[in-house]
Amino acid sequence: MKRLLSFLILSLMIISCGGDDDICESGEGTPRMKIMFKKADKVTKLDSIKVYVNYGVRTVDLGWSRNADSILIPLRVDDSPFTDLFVKIQRKGDSSKVRVNYTTKSIYVSPGCGAKLNYENVSGQLLKATPIVKLEPGQNFIENEEKTNLYLVF
């Protein structure tokens, strides 16, 4: 009798384990913004780049990226219509300030993931130059992390 009861409990535990709706594993969450770099109107790799992101409550250091041709930046998920980025390419150099403006659209994904945000009308504004010279727009909406949304020109 104990074996039957143990078997039933084990079977119920295995059956009750859900599938894909339990967790967001397949990239269904809120996408990050893809940024690429240019020098002399050509897409290029940077030896190093460091990005800080102001999320309203605090500024987060995303660390140094080495030999990078692009970076992925998580944007704010609160009601703010912009996210401020601070970009450095040298340890002791100045940092540029870039404001990324957008509108958000909430989309239901699944019971496990809940809702995600898609960003629309994405545009960049260079608030403080050096080392960045200018910004060039890319795709003006973020639904996934495949397309470039902004180019930083050095």
Protein backbone atom coordinates (compact mmCIF):
# COMPACT_ATOMS: atom_id res chain seq x y z
CA MET A 1 0.00 0.00 0.00
CA LYS A 2 2.85 2.35 0.82
CA ARG A 3 4.42 1.69 -2.58
CA LEU A 4 1.16 2.45 -4.37
CA LEU A 5 0.73 5.68 -2.42
CA SER A 6 4.38 6.68 -3.10
CA PHE A 7 3.94 5.88 -6.79
CA LEU A 8 0.77 7.99 -6.99
CA ILE A 9 2.38 10.95 -5.26
CA LEU A 10 5.46 10.73 -7.49
CA SER A 11 3.27 10.47 -10.58
CA LEU A 12 1.23 13.51 -9.57
CA MET A 13 4.39 15.51 -8.96
CA ILE A 14 5.76 14.66 -12.41
CA ILE A 15 2.45 15.36 -14.14
CA SER A 16 1.98 18.66 -12.32
CA CYS A 17 5.30 20.01 -13.61
CA GLY A 18 4.20 22.47 -16.27
CA GLY A 19 5.68 23.08 -19.64
CA ASP A 20 6.79 26.31 -21.29
CA ASP A 21 4.35 28.47 -19.34
CA ASP A 22 6.21 28.05 -16.05
CA ILE A 23 9.21 30.22 -16.88
CA CYS A 24 10.33 32.58 -19.60
CA GLU A 25 13.21 30.71 -21.20
CA SER A 26 12.70 31.24 -24.90
CA GLY A 27 13.36 34.97 -25.18
CA GLU A 28 9.79 35.99 -24.50
CA GLY A 29 10.71 38.66 -21.96
CA THR A 30 11.12 42.37 -22.54
CA PRO A 31 13.77 42.83 -25.26
CA ARG A 32 16.92 44.90 -24.85
CA MET A 33 18.01 47.69 -27.18
CA LYS A 34 20.78 46.84 -29.67
CA ILE A 35 23.41 49.54 -30.23
CA MET A 36 26.20 49.35 -32.83
CA PHE A 37 29.21 51.60 -33.41
CA LYS A 38 30.52 53.59 -36.36
CA LYS A 39 33.71 55.42 -37.23
CA ALA A 40 34.00 57.35 -40.50
CA ASP A 41 30.53 56.14 -41.58
CA LYS A 42 31.55 52.48 -41.32
CA VAL A 43 30.34 49.97 -38.76
CA THR A 44 33.30 49.12 -36.54
CA LYS A 45 34.41 47.21 -33.47
CA LEU A 46 35.52 49.14 -30.40
CA ASP A 47 38.49 48.00 -28.33
CA SER A 48 36.53 48.77 -25.19
CA ILE A 49 33.30 50.45 -24.15
CA LYS A 50 31.66 50.95 -20.78
CA VAL A 51 28.01 51.82 -20.32
CA TYR A 52 26.14 53.07 -17.27
CA VAL A 53 22.33 53.13 -17.36
CA ASN A 54 20.17 55.40 -15.20
CA TYR A 55 17.09 53.40 -14.18
CA GLY A 56 15.57 56.25 -12.18
CA VAL A 57 16.20 54.87 -8.71
CA ARG A 58 19.87 54.19 -9.35
CA THR A 59 22.51 54.13 -12.06
CA VAL A 60 23.77 50.66 -12.97
CA ASP A 61 27.27 49.95 -14.29
CA LEU A 62 26.97 47.40 -17.11
CA GLY A 63 30.75 46.93 -17.13
CA TRP A 64 33.37 46.97 -19.85
CA SER A 65 32.83 45.22 -23.18
CA ARG A 66 35.98 44.36 -25.12
CA ASN A 67 36.27 44.06 -28.92
CA ALA A 68 32.56 44.73 -29.25
CA ASP A 69 30.71 45.51 -32.46
CA SER A 70 27.41 45.90 -30.59
CA ILE A 71 25.94 45.95 -27.10
CA LEU A 72 22.50 45.12 -25.73
CA ILE A 73 21.07 47.58 -23.21
CA PRO A 74 18.06 46.85 -20.98
CA LEU A 75 15.82 49.94 -20.97
CA ARG A 76 13.60 51.14 -18.15
CA VAL A 77 10.40 49.18 -17.58
CA ASP A 78 8.61 51.78 -15.46
CA ASP A 79 6.40 54.58 -16.84
CA SER A 80 9.34 56.78 -17.85
CA PRO A 81 9.39 57.82 -21.53
CA PHE A 82 13.23 57.74 -21.67
CA THR A 83 16.37 56.02 -20.41
CA ASP A 84 19.67 57.86 -19.93
CA LEU A 85 22.92 56.14 -20.93
CA PHE A 86 26.47 57.20 -20.06
CA VAL A 87 29.14 55.85 -22.44
CA LYS A 88 32.93 55.74 -22.01
CA ILE A 89 35.61 54.25 -24.24
CA GLN A 90 38.62 55.03 -22.03
CA ARG A 91 39.05 54.35 -18.35
CA LYS A 92 40.06 57.94 -17.53
CA GLY A 93 38.22 59.64 -20.38
CA ASP A 94 34.98 61.60 -20.46
CA SER A 95 31.61 59.96 -20.79
CA SER A 96 28.90 60.95 -23.26
CA LYS A 97 25.28 61.19 -22.17
CA VAL A 98 22.68 59.70 -24.51
CA ARG A 99 18.95 59.90 -23.88
CA VAL A 100 16.88 57.17 -25.50
CA ASN A 101 13.25 58.29 -25.93
CA TYR A 102 10.38 55.87 -26.60
CA THR A 103 6.80 54.89 -25.92
CA THR A 104 6.01 51.48 -24.46
CA LYS A 105 3.38 48.94 -25.34
CA SER A 106 2.57 46.09 -22.94
CA ILE A 107 1.89 42.68 -24.52
CA TYR A 108 0.66 39.56 -22.71
CA VAL A 109 2.98 36.58 -23.26
CA SER A 110 1.85 33.68 -21.04
CA PRO A 111 0.78 32.88 -17.48
CA GLY A 112 4.38 32.14 -16.45
CA CYS A 113 5.96 35.14 -18.17
CA GLY A 114 3.13 37.59 -17.71
CA ALA A 115 3.48 40.68 -19.90
CA LYS A 116 6.47 42.12 -21.73
CA LEU A 117 7.13 45.61 -23.01
CA ASN A 118 7.77 46.47 -26.62
CA TYR A 119 9.30 49.87 -27.29
CA GLU A 120 8.00 52.07 -30.11
CA ASN A 121 9.07 55.44 -31.55
CA VAL A 122 12.64 54.83 -30.35
CA SER A 123 14.99 57.75 -30.90
CA GLY A 124 18.27 58.92 -29.46
CA GLN A 125 19.35 62.35 -28.31
CA LEU A 126 23.01 63.25 -27.64
CA LEU A 127 22.97 65.41 -24.50
CA LYS A 128 26.73 65.45 -23.91
CA ALA A 129 29.26 64.75 -26.66
CA THR A 130 32.82 63.40 -26.33
CA PRO A 131 33.66 60.66 -27.03
CA ILE A 132 30.48 60.19 -29.09
CA VAL A 133 30.31 62.62 -32.03
CA LYS A 134 26.73 61.98 -33.15
CA LEU A 135 23.92 59.45 -33.17
CA GLU A 136 22.33 57.74 -36.16
CA PRO A 137 18.92 56.10 -35.96
CA GLY A 138 18.28 52.45 -36.66
CA GLN A 139 15.02 50.55 -36.43
CA ASN A 140 12.63 52.73 -34.42
CA PHE A 141 10.88 49.93 -32.51
CA ILE A 142 12.13 47.11 -30.30
CA GLU A 143 10.27 43.79 -30.50
CA ASN A 144 13.32 41.54 -30.29
CA GLU A 145 17.09 41.90 -30.04
CA GLU A 146 17.97 41.19 -33.68
CA LYS A 147 17.81 44.64 -35.33
CA THR A 148 20.02 47.61 -34.50
CA ASN A 149 18.10 50.49 -32.92
CA LEU A 150 20.83 53.10 -32.59
CA TYR A 151 24.33 53.76 -33.93
CA LEU A 152 26.89 55.61 -31.84
CA VAL A 153 29.34 57.48 -34.09
CA PHE A 154 32.84 58.06 -32.66
